[in-house]
C-alpha atoms as a PDB file:
ATOM      1  CA  LEU A   1       0.000   0.000   0.000  1.00  0.00           C
ATOM      2  CA  VAL A   2       2.913   2.373   0.629  1.00  0.00           C
ATOM      3  CA  ASP A   3       4.148   1.979  -2.965  1.00  0.00           C
ATOM      4  CA  PHE A   4       0.569   2.402  -4.177  1.00  0.00           C
ATOM      5  CA  ARG A   5       0.088   5.655  -2.227  1.00  0.00           C
ATOM      6  CA  LYS A   6       3.425   7.022  -3.428  1.00  0.00           C
ATOM      7  CA  ARG A   7       2.130   6.951  -7.001  1.00  0.00           C
ATOM      8  CA  PHE A   8      -0.700   9.357  -6.184  1.00  0.00           C
ATOM      9  CA  SER A   9       0.794  12.785  -5.629  1.00  0.00           C
ATOM     10  CA  ALA A  10      -1.196  15.683  -4.211  1.00  0.00           C
ATOM     11  CA  LYS A  11      -1.227  17.306  -7.664  1.00  0.00           C
ATOM     12  CA  PHE A  12      -2.609  14.170  -9.332  1.00  0.00           C
ATOM     13  CA  LEU A  13      -5.379  13.793  -6.734  1.00  0.00           C
ATOM     14  CA  ALA A  14      -6.248  17.481  -7.146  1.00  0.00           C
ATOM     15  CA  GLU A  15      -6.692  16.914 -10.892  1.00  0.00           C
ATOM     16  CA  ILE A  16      -9.058  13.986 -10.239  1.00  0.00           C
ATOM     17  CA  ASN A  17     -10.930  16.143  -7.740  1.00  0.00           C
ATOM     18  CA  GLU A  18     -11.396  18.871 -10.357  1.00  0.00           C
ATOM     19  CA  LEU A  19     -12.835  16.342 -12.826  1.00  0.00           C
ATOM     20  CA  ILE A  20     -15.424  15.291 -10.234  1.00  0.00           C
ATOM     21  CA  ILE A  21     -16.408  18.907  -9.518  1.00  0.00           C
ATOM     22  CA  GLU A  22     -16.453  19.954 -13.191  1.00  0.00           C
ATOM     23  CA  SER A  23     -18.822  17.106 -14.068  1.00  0.00           C
ATOM     24  CA  GLU A  24     -21.316  18.570 -11.596  1.00  0.00           C
ATOM     25  CA  ASN A  25     -20.832  22.188 -12.648  1.00  0.00           C
ATOM     26  CA  LYS A  26     -21.306  21.676 -16.398  1.00  0.00           C
ATOM     27  CA  LYS A  27     -25.059  21.987 -16.088  1.00  0.00           C
ATOM     28  CA  ASP A  28     -24.692  25.495 -14.598  1.00  0.00           C
ATOM     29  CA  GLU A  29     -22.323  26.894 -17.247  1.00  0.00           C
ATOM     30  CA  ASN A  30     -25.078  28.403 -19.413  1.00  0.00           C
ATOM     31  CA  ASP A  31     -26.643  30.162 -16.430  1.00  0.00           C
ATOM     32  CA  ASP A  32     -23.289  31.611 -15.410  1.00  0.00           C
ATOM     33  CA  ASN A  33     -22.528  32.868 -18.929  1.00  0.00           C
ATOM     34  CA  ASN A  34     -25.899  34.624 -19.235  1.00  0.00           C
ATOM     35  CA  SER A  35     -25.566  36.352 -15.864  1.00  0.00           C
ATOM     36  CA  ASP A  36     -24.680  40.056 -15.907  1.00  0.00           C
ATOM     37  CA  SER A  37     -23.620  40.163 -12.284  1.00  0.00           C
ATOM     38  CA  SER A  38     -19.986  41.022 -11.677  1.00  0.00           C
ATOM     39  CA  ASN A  39     -19.907  38.731  -8.641  1.00  0.00           C
ATOM     40  CA  LYS A  40     -21.512  35.337  -8.346  1.00  0.00           C
ATOM     41  CA  GLY A  41     -21.444  32.467  -5.885  1.00  0.00           C
ATOM     42  CA  THR A  42     -20.239  31.835  -2.355  1.00  0.00           C
ATOM     43  CA  ILE A  43     -16.886  30.537  -1.172  1.00  0.00           C
ATOM     44  CA  ILE A  44     -16.306  29.206   2.349  1.00  0.00           C
ATOM     45  CA  ILE A  45     -12.740  29.046   3.683  1.00  0.00           C
ATOM     46  CA  ASP A  46     -11.315  27.446   6.798  1.00  0.00           C
ATOM     47  CA  ALA A  47      -8.329  25.457   8.056  1.00  0.00           C
ATOM     48  CA  THR A  48      -7.830  22.503  10.376  1.00  0.00           C
ATOM     49  CA  CYS A  49      -5.098  20.211  11.635  1.00  0.00           C
ATOM     50  CA  THR A  50      -4.976  16.530  10.640  1.00  0.00           C
ATOM     51  CA  PRO A  51      -3.196  14.861  13.578  1.00  0.00           C
ATOM     52  CA  ALA A  52      -0.543  12.242  12.863  1.00  0.00           C
ATOM     53  CA  ASP A  53      -0.511   8.901  14.667  1.00  0.00           C
ATOM     54  CA  ILE A  54       2.241   9.718  17.162  1.00  0.00           C
ATOM     55  CA  ALA A  55       2.506   9.685  20.946  1.00  0.00           C
ATOM     56  CA  PHE A  56       2.310  13.032  22.695  1.00  0.00           C
ATOM     57  CA  PRO A  57       5.900  14.306  22.431  1.00  0.00           C
ATOM     58  CA  GLN A  58       7.954  14.774  25.573  1.00  0.00           C
ATOM     59  CA  ASP A  59      11.583  15.878  25.484  1.00  0.00           C
ATOM     60  CA  LEU A  60      12.808  13.161  27.840  1.00  0.00           C
ATOM     61  CA  ASN A  61      11.070  10.372  25.913  1.00  0.00           C
ATOM     62  CA  LEU A  62      12.358  11.722  22.601  1.00  0.00           C
ATOM     63  CA  LEU A  63      15.937  11.763  23.886  1.00  0.00           C
ATOM     64  CA  ASN A  64      15.585   8.258  25.305  1.00  0.00           C
ATOM     65  CA  LYS A  65      14.384   6.946  21.919  1.00  0.00           C
ATOM     66  CA  SER A  66      17.293   8.697  20.237  1.00  0.00           C
ATOM     67  CA  ARG A  67      19.781   7.105  22.642  1.00  0.00           C
ATOM     68  CA  GLU A  68      18.312   3.615  22.102  1.00  0.00           C
ATOM     69  CA  ASN A  69      18.579   3.993  18.331  1.00  0.00           C
ATOM     70  CA  LEU A  70      22.193   5.114  18.624  1.00  0.00           C
ATOM     71  CA  GLU A  71      23.006   2.063  20.753  1.00  0.00           C
ATOM     72  CA  LYS A  72      21.512  -0.219  18.084  1.00  0.00           C
ATOM     73  CA  ILE A  73      23.643   1.466  15.419  1.00  0.00           C
ATOM     74  CA  ILE A  74      26.777   0.963  17.551  1.00  0.00           C
ATOM     75  CA  ASP A  75      25.867  -2.721  18.004  1.00  0.00           C
ATOM     76  CA  ASN A  76      25.519  -3.129  14.223  1.00  0.00           C
ATOM     77  CA  LEU A  77      28.777  -1.328  13.443  1.00  0.00           C
ATOM     78  CA  HIS A  78      30.911  -3.087  16.046  1.00  0.00           C
ATOM     79  CA  ASP A  79      32.889  -6.131  14.972  1.00  0.00           C
ATOM     80  CA  PRO A  80      34.058  -8.404  17.856  1.00  0.00           C
ATOM     81  CA  ALA A  81      37.311  -8.941  15.976  1.00  0.00           C
ATOM     82  CA  ASP A  82      38.126  -5.249  16.454  1.00  0.00           C
ATOM     83  CA  GLY A  83      38.252  -5.578  20.213  1.00  0.00           C
ATOM     84  CA  LYS A  84      36.034  -4.387  23.035  1.00  0.00           C
ATOM     85  CA  LYS A  85      32.749  -2.665  22.200  1.00  0.00           C
ATOM     86  CA  PRO A  86      32.580   1.063  23.025  1.00  0.00           C
ATOM     87  CA  ARG A  87      31.144   1.662  26.471  1.00  0.00           C
ATOM     88  CA  THR A  88      27.667   3.201  26.155  1.00  0.00           C
ATOM     89  CA  TYR A  89      26.452   2.929  29.783  1.00  0.00           C
ATOM     90  CA  ARG A  90      23.074   1.787  28.456  1.00  0.00           C
ATOM     91  CA  LYS A  91      21.924   0.158  31.684  1.00  0.00           C
ATOM     92  CA  LYS A  92      22.725   3.245  33.725  1.00  0.00           C
ATOM     93  CA  ALA A  93      21.119   5.482  31.063  1.00  0.00           C
ATOM     94  CA  ARG A  94      17.969   3.369  31.076  1.00  0.00           C
ATOM     95  CA  LYS A  95      17.803   3.505  34.865  1.00  0.00           C
ATOM     96  CA  ASP A  96      18.230   7.296  34.856  1.00  0.00           C
ATOM     97  CA  PHE A  97      15.393   7.604  32.337  1.00  0.00           C
ATOM     98  CA  LEU A  98      13.002   5.353  34.274  1.00  0.00           C
ATOM     99  CA  ASN A  99      13.680   7.021  37.611  1.00  0.00           C
ATOM    100  CA  THR A 100      12.272  10.269  36.233  1.00  0.00           C
ATOM    101  CA  SER A 101       9.699   9.084  33.687  1.00  0.00           C
ATOM    102  CA  LYS A 102       7.994   6.697  36.141  1.00  0.00           C
ATOM    103  CA  SER A 103       7.728   9.234  38.954  1.00  0.00           C
ATOM    104  CA  LYS A 104       4.230  10.611  39.523  1.00  0.00           C
ATOM    105  CA  ARG A 105       5.404  14.142  40.168  1.00  0.00           C
ATOM    106  CA  LYS A 106       8.182  15.408  37.948  1.00  0.00           C
ATOM    107  CA  THR A 107       9.640  18.654  39.233  1.00  0.00           C
ATOM    108  CA  ALA A 108      11.197  21.026  36.738  1.00  0.00           C
ATOM    109  CA  LYS A 109      14.592  20.564  38.426  1.00  0.00           C
ATOM    110  CA  ALA A 110      14.451  16.750  38.248  1.00  0.00           C
ATOM    111  CA  LEU A 111      13.266  16.807  34.635  1.00  0.00           C
ATOM    112  CA  ARG A 112      16.031  19.190  33.592  1.00  0.00           C
ATOM    113  CA  LYS A 113      18.622  17.008  35.310  1.00  0.00           C
ATOM    114  CA  ALA A 114      17.318  13.887  33.520  1.00  0.00           C
ATOM    115  CA  ILE A 115      17.360  15.651  30.142  1.00  0.00           C
ATOM    116  CA  GLY A 116      20.944  16.793  30.763  1.00  0.00           C
ATOM    117  CA  LYS A 117      22.020  13.219  31.461  1.00  0.00           C
ATOM    118  CA  GLN A 118      20.386  11.881  28.298  1.00  0.00           C
ATOM    119  CA  LEU A 119      22.064  14.626  26.263  1.00  0.00           C
ATOM    120  CA  ASN A 120      25.451  13.524  27.600  1.00  0.00           C
ATOM    121  CA  TYR A 121      24.756   9.871  26.733  1.00  0.00           C
ATOM    122  CA  ILE A 122      23.729  10.856  23.210  1.00  0.00           C
ATOM    123  CA  LYS A 123      26.811  13.037  22.751  1.00  0.00           C
ATOM    124  CA  ARG A 124      29.045  10.121  23.751  1.00  0.00           C
ATOM    125  CA  ASP A 125      27.251   7.695  21.393  1.00  0.00           C
ATOM    126  CA  LEU A 126      27.443  10.125  18.479  1.00  0.00           C
ATOM    127  CA  GLY A 127      31.188  10.406  19.043  1.00  0.00           C
ATOM    128  CA  TYR A 128      31.559   6.611  18.993  1.00  0.00           C
ATOM    129  CA  ILE A 129      29.624   6.351  15.729  1.00  0.00           C
ATOM    130  CA  ASP A 130      31.736   9.051  14.064  1.00  0.00           C
ATOM    131  CA  THR A 131      34.881   7.190  15.121  1.00  0.00           C
ATOM    132  CA  LEU A 132      33.575   3.863  13.788  1.00  0.00           C
ATOM    133  CA  VAL A 133      32.577   5.420  10.459  1.00  0.00           C
ATOM    134  CA  LYS A 134      35.984   7.059  10.074  1.00  0.00           C
ATOM    135  CA  SER A 135      37.614   3.683  10.689  1.00  0.00           C
ATOM    136  CA  GLY A 136      35.847   2.277   7.625  1.00  0.00           C
ATOM    137  CA  LYS A 137      32.497   1.019   8.945  1.00  0.00           C
ATOM    138  CA  CYS A 138      29.481   1.526   6.646  1.00  0.00           C
ATOM    139  CA  LEU A 139      26.017   2.652   7.642  1.00  0.00           C
ATOM    140  CA  SER A 140      22.884   1.409   5.911  1.00  0.00           C
ATOM    141  CA  GLU A 141      20.580   3.878   4.183  1.00  0.00           C
ATOM    142  CA  LYS A 142      18.035   3.567   6.988  1.00  0.00           C
ATOM    143  CA  GLU A 143      20.717   4.166   9.627  1.00  0.00           C
ATOM    144  CA  ILE A 144      21.953   7.254   7.769  1.00  0.00           C
ATOM    145  CA  ASP A 145      18.425   8.712   7.742  1.00  0.00           C
ATOM    146  CA  ILE A 146      17.750   8.072  11.444  1.00  0.00           C
ATOM    147  CA  LEU A 147      21.221   9.336  12.396  1.00  0.00           C
ATOM    148  CA  LYS A 148      20.581  12.590  10.551  1.00  0.00           C
ATOM    149  CA  VAL A 149      17.307  13.060  12.452  1.00  0.00           C
ATOM    150  CA  ILE A 150      18.923  12.242  15.810  1.00  0.00           C
ATOM    151  CA  LYS A 151      21.687  14.786  15.241  1.00  0.00           C
ATOM    152  CA  GLU A 152      19.057  17.438  14.529  1.00  0.00           C
ATOM    153  CA  VAL A 153      17.084  16.412  17.636  1.00  0.00           C
ATOM    154  CA  TYR A 154      20.243  16.606  19.749  1.00  0.00           C
ATOM    155  CA  ALA A 155      21.078  20.078  18.406  1.00  0.00           C
ATOM    156  CA  GLN A 156      17.556  21.357  19.131  1.00  0.00           C
ATOM    157  CA  GLN A 157      17.333  19.836  22.609  1.00  0.00           C
ATOM    158  CA  LYS A 158      20.832  21.066  23.459  1.00  0.00           C
ATOM    159  CA  GLU A 159      19.909  24.596  22.390  1.00  0.00           C
ATOM    160  CA  MET A 160      16.774  24.571  24.546  1.00  0.00           C
ATOM    161  CA  PHE A 161      18.664  23.065  27.495  1.00  0.00           C
ATOM    162  CA  ASP A 162      21.508  25.591  27.375  1.00  0.00           C
ATOM    163  CA  ASN A 163      19.222  28.597  26.927  1.00  0.00           C
ATOM    164  CA  HIS A 164      16.574  27.481  29.472  1.00  0.00           C
ATOM    165  CA  LYS A 165      13.728  27.652  26.935  1.00  0.00           C
ATOM    166  CA  HIS A 166      11.032  25.285  25.721  1.00  0.00           C
ATOM    167  CA  SER A 167      10.658  26.143  22.040  1.00  0.00           C
ATOM    168  CA  VAL A 168      12.856  26.094  18.957  1.00  0.00           C
ATOM    169  CA  ALA A 169      12.340  26.634  15.242  1.00  0.00           C
ATOM    170  CA  ASN A 170      11.348  23.580  13.152  1.00  0.00           C
ATOM    171  CA  ARG A 171      11.123  21.444  16.257  1.00  0.00           C
ATOM    172  CA  ILE A 172      11.176  17.670  15.665  1.00  0.00           C
ATOM    173  CA  VAL A 173       8.622  15.822  17.809  1.00  0.00           C
ATOM    174  CA  ASN A 174       8.937  12.269  16.465  1.00  0.00           C
ATOM    175  CA  LEU A 175      11.938  10.297  15.194  1.00  0.00           C
ATOM    176  CA  ASN A 176       9.965   8.193  12.708  1.00  0.00           C
ATOM    177  CA  GLN A 177       8.062  11.200  11.346  1.00  0.00           C
ATOM    178  CA  PRO A 178      10.505  14.120  11.502  1.00  0.00           C
ATOM    179  CA  HIS A 179       8.328  16.177   9.125  1.00  0.00           C
ATOM    180  CA  VAL A 180       5.562  16.509  11.767  1.00  0.00           C
ATOM    181  CA  ARG A 181       5.468  19.857  13.541  1.00  0.00           C
ATOM    182  CA  PRO A 182       3.431  21.198  16.473  1.00  0.00           C
ATOM    183  CA  ILE A 183       0.416  23.218  15.333  1.00  0.00           C
ATOM    184  CA  VAL A 184      -1.020  25.520  18.010  1.00  0.00           C
ATOM    185  CA  ARG A 185      -4.793  25.660  17.475  1.00  0.00           C
ATOM    186  CA  GLY A 186      -6.058  26.924  20.840  1.00  0.00           C
ATOM    187  CA  LYS A 187      -8.920  24.421  21.005  1.00  0.00           C
ATOM    188  CA  ALA A 188     -10.319  23.421  24.381  1.00  0.00           C
ATOM    189  CA  SER A 189      -9.700  19.701  23.806  1.00  0.00           C
ATOM    190  CA  ALA A 190      -6.165  20.101  22.475  1.00  0.00           C
ATOM    191  CA  LYS A 191      -4.353  23.420  22.478  1.00  0.00           C
ATOM    192  CA  THR A 192      -1.547  21.950  20.376  1.00  0.00           C
ATOM    193  CA  GLU A 193      -1.928  19.298  17.681  1.00  0.00           C
ATOM    194  CA  PHE A 194       0.775  17.470  15.758  1.00  0.00           C
ATOM    195  CA  GLY A 195       0.238  16.959  12.061  1.00  0.00           C
ATOM    196  CA  ALA A 196      -0.372  18.737   8.767  1.00  0.00           C
ATOM    197  CA  LYS A 197      -2.334  21.973   8.583  1.00  0.00           C
ATOM    198  CA  VAL A 198      -4.920  21.841   5.786  1.00  0.00           C
ATOM    199  CA  GLU A 199      -6.782  24.822   4.355  1.00  0.00           C
ATOM    200  CA  ILE A 200      -9.833  24.121   2.204  1.00  0.00           C
ATOM    201  CA  SER A 201     -12.493  26.002   0.284  1.00  0.00           C
ATOM    202  CA  VAL A 202     -16.099  24.838  -0.129  1.00  0.00           C
ATOM    203  CA  VAL A 203     -18.123  25.932  -3.160  1.00  0.00           C
ATOM    204  CA  ASP A 204     -21.604  24.503  -3.772  1.00  0.00           C
ATOM    205  CA  GLY A 205     -20.851  21.700  -1.316  1.00  0.00           C
ATOM    206  CA  TYR A 206     -17.637  20.595  -3.053  1.00  0.00           C
ATOM    207  CA  VAL A 207     -14.240  20.781  -1.363  1.00  0.00           C
ATOM    208  CA  ARG A 208     -10.866  21.843  -2.720  1.00  0.00           C
ATOM    209  CA  VAL A 209      -7.598  21.561  -0.806  1.00  0.00           C
ATOM    210  CA  GLU A 210      -6.117  25.033  -1.193  1.00  0.00           C
ATOM    211  CA  LYS A 211      -3.022  24.562   0.975  1.00  0.00           C
ATOM    212  CA  LEU A 212      -1.369  21.736   2.899  1.00  0.00           C
ATOM    213  CA  SER A 213       1.600  22.548   5.094  1.00  0.00           C
ATOM    214  CA  TRP A 214       3.508  20.669   7.791  1.00  0.00           C
ATOM    215  CA  ASP A 215       4.690  23.971   9.261  1.00  0.00           C
ATOM    216  CA  ALA A 216       2.489  26.332  11.230  1.00  0.00           C
ATOM    217  CA  TYR A 217       1.389  29.435   9.324  1.00  0.00           C
ATOM    218  CA  ASN A 218      -1.194  32.191   9.585  1.00  0.00           C
ATOM    219  CA  GLU A 219      -4.070  31.225   7.296  1.00  0.00           C
ATOM    220  CA  CYS A 220      -5.200  34.827   6.808  1.00  0.00           C
ATOM    221  CA  ASP A 221      -2.323  35.296   4.336  1.00  0.00           C
ATOM    222  CA  SER A 222      -3.885  32.705   2.004  1.00  0.00           C
ATOM    223  CA  MET A 223      -7.346  34.231   1.557  1.00  0.00           C
ATOM    224  CA  ILE A 224      -6.596  36.541  -1.380  1.00  0.00           C
ATOM    225  CA  GLY A 225      -4.905  33.747  -3.310  1.00  0.00           C
ATOM    226  CA  ILE A 226      -7.862  31.404  -2.709  1.00  0.00           C
ATOM    227  CA  VAL A 227     -10.347  34.018  -3.919  1.00  0.00           C
ATOM    228  CA  GLU A 228      -8.217  34.714  -6.991  1.00  0.00           C
ATOM    229  CA  ASN A 229      -8.241  30.976  -7.753  1.00  0.00           C
ATOM    230  CA  PHE A 230     -12.038  31.108  -7.562  1.00  0.00           C
ATOM    231  CA  LYS A 231     -12.077  33.915 -10.139  1.00  0.00           C
ATOM    232  CA  THR A 232      -9.706  31.978 -12.408  1.00  0.00           C
ATOM    233  CA  ARG A 233     -12.069  28.997 -12.393  1.00  0.00           C
ATOM    234  CA  THR A 234     -15.374  30.858 -12.721  1.00  0.00           C
ATOM    235  CA  GLY A 235     -14.392  34.165 -14.359  1.00  0.00           C
ATOM    236  CA  LYS A 236     -15.972  36.156 -11.521  1.00  0.00           C
ATOM    237  CA  TYR A 237     -15.287  37.041  -7.925  1.00  0.00           C
ATOM    238  CA  PRO A 238     -17.606  35.471  -5.338  1.00  0.00           C
ATOM    239  CA  GLU A 239     -20.522  37.443  -4.011  1.00  0.00           C
ATOM    240  CA  ARG A 240     -19.845  36.214  -0.465  1.00  0.00           C
ATOM    241  CA  ASP A 241     -16.658  35.114   1.277  1.00  0.00           C
ATOM    242  CA  LEU A 242     -17.569  33.200   4.426  1.00  0.00           C
ATOM    243  CA  ALA A 243     -14.489  32.910   6.597  1.00  0.00           C
ATOM    244  CA  ASP A 244     -13.475  32.800  10.230  1.00  0.00           C
ATOM    245  CA  LYS A 245     -12.613  36.006  12.071  1.00  0.00           C
ATOM    246  CA  ILE A 246      -8.880  35.280  11.756  1.00  0.00           C
ATOM    247  CA  TYR A 247      -9.185  36.131   8.045  1.00  0.00           C
ATOM    248  CA  ARG A 248     -10.584  39.564   8.826  1.00  0.00           C
ATOM    249  CA  ASN A 249      -7.393  41.608   8.778  1.00  0.00           C
ATOM    250  CA  ARG A 250      -7.144  45.031   7.141  1.00  0.00           C
ATOM    251  CA  LYS A 251      -5.527  43.752   3.937  1.00  0.00           C
ATOM    252  CA  ASN A 252      -8.226  41.137   3.305  1.00  0.00           C
ATOM    253  CA  LEU A 253     -11.070  43.521   4.164  1.00  0.00           C
ATOM    254  CA  ASN A 254      -9.762  46.133   1.730  1.00  0.00           C
ATOM    255  CA  PHE A 255      -9.399  43.473  -0.971  1.00  0.00           C
ATOM    256  CA  CYS A 256     -13.006  42.346  -0.483  1.00  0.00           C
ATOM    257  CA  LYS A 257     -14.261  45.937  -0.485  1.00  0.00           C
ATOM    258  CA  GLU A 258     -12.448  46.769  -3.732  1.00  0.00           C
ATOM    259  CA  ASN A 259     -13.881  43.709  -5.472  1.00  0.00           C
ATOM    260  CA  HIS A 260     -17.418  44.034  -4.001  1.00  0.00           C
ATOM    261  CA  ILE A 261     -17.176  40.808  -1.985  1.00  0.00           C
ATOM    262  CA  ARG A 262     -19.248  40.607   1.182  1.00  0.00           C
ATOM    263  CA  ILE A 263     -17.343  39.320   4.192  1.00  0.00           C
ATOM    264  CA  SER A 264     -19.518  39.446   7.284  1.00  0.00           C
ATOM    265  CA  GLY A 265     -18.416  40.630  10.689  1.00  0.00           C
ATOM    266  CA  PRO A 266     -17.804  43.776  12.710  1.00  0.00           C
ATOM    267  CA  ALA A 267     -15.438  46.481  11.532  1.00  0.00           C
ATOM    268  CA  LEU A 268     -11.926  46.538  12.940  1.00  0.00           C
ATOM    269  CA  GLY A 269     -11.210  48.821  15.869  1.00  0.00           C
ATOM    270  CA  ARG A 270     -13.566  50.207  18.491  1.00  0.00           C
ATOM    271  CA  PRO A 271     -17.307  49.692  18.001  1.00  0.00           C
ATOM    272  CA  LYS A 272     -19.033  52.653  16.344  1.00  0.00           C
ATOM    273  CA  LYS A 273     -22.127  54.306  17.781  1.00  0.00           C
ATOM    274  CA  ASP A 274     -23.920  54.404  14.425  1.00  0.00           C
ATOM    275  CA  ASP A 275     -23.368  50.729  13.599  1.00  0.00           C
ATOM    276  CA  THR A 276     -25.508  49.964  10.532  1.00  0.00           C
ATOM    277  CA  ARG A 277     -24.597  46.333   9.979  1.00  0.00           C
ATOM    278  CA  ASP A 278     -27.160  43.983   8.494  1.00  0.00           C
ATOM    279  CA  ARG A 279     -27.594  41.598  11.404  1.00  0.00           C
ATOM    280  CA  LYS A 280     -29.912  39.286   9.501  1.00  0.00           C
ATOM    281  CA  ALA A 281     -27.447  38.859   6.624  1.00  0.00           C
ATOM    282  CA  GLU A 282     -24.622  38.236   9.101  1.00  0.00           C
ATOM    283  CA  TYR A 283     -26.671  35.548  10.832  1.00  0.00           C
ATOM    284  CA  ILE A 284     -27.391  33.843   7.502  1.00  0.00           C
ATOM    285  CA  ASP A 285     -23.687  33.978   6.589  1.00  0.00           C
ATOM    286  CA  LEU A 286     -22.756  32.518   9.968  1.00  0.00           C
ATOM    287  CA  CYS A 287     -25.199  29.634   9.477  1.00  0.00           C
ATOM    288  CA  ASP A 288     -23.993  28.971   5.923  1.00  0.00           C
ATOM    289  CA  ARG A 289     -20.360  28.918   7.093  1.00  0.00           C
ATOM    290  CA  ASN A 290     -21.145  25.805   9.148  1.00  0.00           C
ATOM    291  CA  ALA A 291     -20.900  23.804   5.912  1.00  0.00           C
ATOM    292  CA  VAL A 292     -17.106  23.823   6.105  1.00  0.00           C
ATOM    293  CA  GLU A 293     -17.200  22.608   9.703  1.00  0.00           C
ATOM    294  CA  GLY A 294     -19.486  19.820   8.552  1.00  0.00           C
ATOM    295  CA  LYS A 295     -16.928  18.763   5.939  1.00  0.00           C
ATOM    296  CA  PHE A 296     -14.188  18.636   8.583  1.00  0.00           C
ATOM    297  CA  GLY A 297     -16.464  16.687  10.910  1.00  0.00           C
ATOM    298  CA  GLU A 298     -17.457  14.189   8.216  1.00  0.00           C
ATOM    299  CA  GLY A 299     -13.839  13.689   7.183  1.00  0.00           C
ATOM    300  CA  LYS A 300     -12.654  13.155  10.745  1.00  0.00           C
ATOM    301  CA  ARG A 301     -15.525  10.961  11.932  1.00  0.00           C
ATOM    302  CA  ALA A 302     -16.121   8.791   8.875  1.00  0.00           C
ATOM    303  CA  TYR A 303     -12.948   8.842   6.768  1.00  0.00           C
ATOM    304  CA  GLY A 304     -10.051   8.810   9.222  1.00  0.00           C
ATOM    305  CA  LEU A 305      -8.957  12.437   8.954  1.00  0.00           C
ATOM    306  CA  SER A 306      -8.797  12.654  12.755  1.00  0.00           C
ATOM    307  CA  ARG A 307      -5.693  10.435  12.819  1.00  0.00           C
ATOM    308  CA  ILE A 308      -3.386   9.892   9.855  1.00  0.00           C
ATOM    309  CA  PHE A 309      -1.758   6.462  10.144  1.00  0.00           C
ATOM    310  CA  ALA A 310       0.581   6.850   7.155  1.00  0.00           C
ATOM    311  CA  LYS A 311       4.173   7.406   8.262  1.00  0.00           C
ATOM    312  CA  LEU A 312       5.917   8.997   5.284  1.00  0.00           C
ATOM    313  CA  LYS A 313       5.394  12.621   4.343  1.00  0.00           C
ATOM    314  CA  GLU A 314       4.257  11.918   0.776  1.00  0.00           C
ATOM    315  CA  THR A 315       1.953   9.049   1.741  1.00  0.00           C
ATOM    316  CA  SER A 316       0.375  11.157   4.502  1.00  0.00           C
ATOM    317  CA  GLU A 317      -0.335  13.909   1.982  1.00  0.00           C
ATOM    318  CA  CYS A 318      -1.864  11.296  -0.328  1.00  0.00           C
ATOM    319  CA  VAL A 319      -4.196  10.067   2.449  1.00  0.00           C
ATOM    320  CA  ILE A 320      -5.280  13.611   3.384  1.00  0.00           C
ATOM    321  CA  ASN A 321      -6.048  14.608  -0.216  1.00  0.00           C
ATOM    322  CA  ALA A 322      -7.813  11.297  -0.845  1.00  0.00           C
ATOM    323  CA  VAL A 323     -10.205  11.948   2.065  1.00  0.00           C
ATOM    324  CA  PHE A 324     -11.441  15.193   0.522  1.00  0.00           C
ATOM    325  CA  LEU A 325     -11.657  13.525  -2.889  1.00  0.00           C
ATOM    326  CA  VAL A 326     -13.914  10.832  -1.387  1.00  0.00           C
ATOM    327  CA  LEU A 327     -16.066  13.524   0.229  1.00  0.00           C
ATOM    328  CA  ASN A 328     -16.653  15.081  -3.199  1.00  0.00           C
ATOM    329  CA  LEU A 329     -17.237  11.703  -4.805  1.00  0.00           C
ATOM    330  CA  ASN A 330     -19.797  10.875  -2.133  1.00  0.00           C
ATOM    331  CA  LYS A 331     -21.646  14.143  -2.779  1.00  0.00           C
ATOM    332  CA  ARG A 332     -21.536  13.564  -6.540  1.00  0.00           C
ATOM    333  CA  LEU A 333     -23.029  10.074  -6.144  1.00  0.00           C
ATOM    334  CA  ARG A 334     -25.800  11.478  -3.937  1.00  0.00           C
ATOM    335  CA  SER A 335     -26.585  14.061  -6.630  1.00  0.00           C
ATOM    336  CA  LEU A 336     -26.796  11.351  -9.294  1.00  0.00           C
ATOM    337  CA  LEU A 337     -29.042   9.258  -7.059  1.00  0.00           C
ATOM    338  CA  GLN A 338     -31.333  12.234  -6.522  1.00  0.00           C
ATOM    339  CA  LEU A 339     -31.585  12.826 -10.292  1.00  0.00           C
ATOM    340  CA  PHE A 340     -32.361   9.147 -10.817  1.00  0.00           C
ATOM    341  CA  LEU A 341     -35.128   9.148  -8.207  1.00  0.00           C
ATOM    342  CA  GLU A 342     -36.652  12.349  -9.635  1.00  0.00           C
ATOM    343  CA  LYS A 343     -36.960  10.685 -13.041  1.00  0.00           C
END
């Protein structure tokens, strides 16, 4: 299945998705061409995180896994004919890890001390491996990949340890999936999620993946590009842009005003005394925007978007894009069934 998923790139799945949507929209082409309105249609935009199937990352556990992998590499590289195996202190390192990880109450001082010890063990093991490689030992391709990740993990954890901080750029949270990054969402159930951030647009009930990123980003910067893509496909700007309040920055509001696109919500700044907003239209827009939340809910409840079990970066992207493709295919089949029953 891994080889099968590798064949379907995100671009290829997006092309299939467009074919499904275009087959539904052909019947409306004549109506769109005869319309004199400069703006037509509604676009709904939102983003979510698709969590990867990893354990909640903890610095001590991550360092312990790194140390265990380094010890396995040393075991594979060592030849008994060369003499005594390098001393890794693995039993003592394991005991130091368990003494802290198994304790019910981990004080900041005890946790910092345990992390410092694991960093020293890893530094020693990395030195042994460099010496063995220089002496002529060969690493397998898999060992080269994991060693590269462990060196990056060590550098990041060492930087945080030395500077007494708890964050670093491009932080690695899992050895087997080093592409996964923490995504701060601020939700009540999980303030931080670990996986890809996906931004979608919904038009007439059909979903398009507008952006998929493994790094955290501010989705408000994507709105203008998404609306311009809508105009490229339809020839017109949308009449309504239903988006979350995070999209309502000054740049996006000015863009919508210039192109006569309605984006509901209060004006920026202090509330005005003569507020003449159309409350009824705002309520309708708010209700219609729930469609995108429904797509996220359907994908996460029914199609596995709530936990991505693929391990590789490209196969994970394939799974995520395939979920939204199936959502569109499901809607298309329901439309065909409705036409059949009406006849």
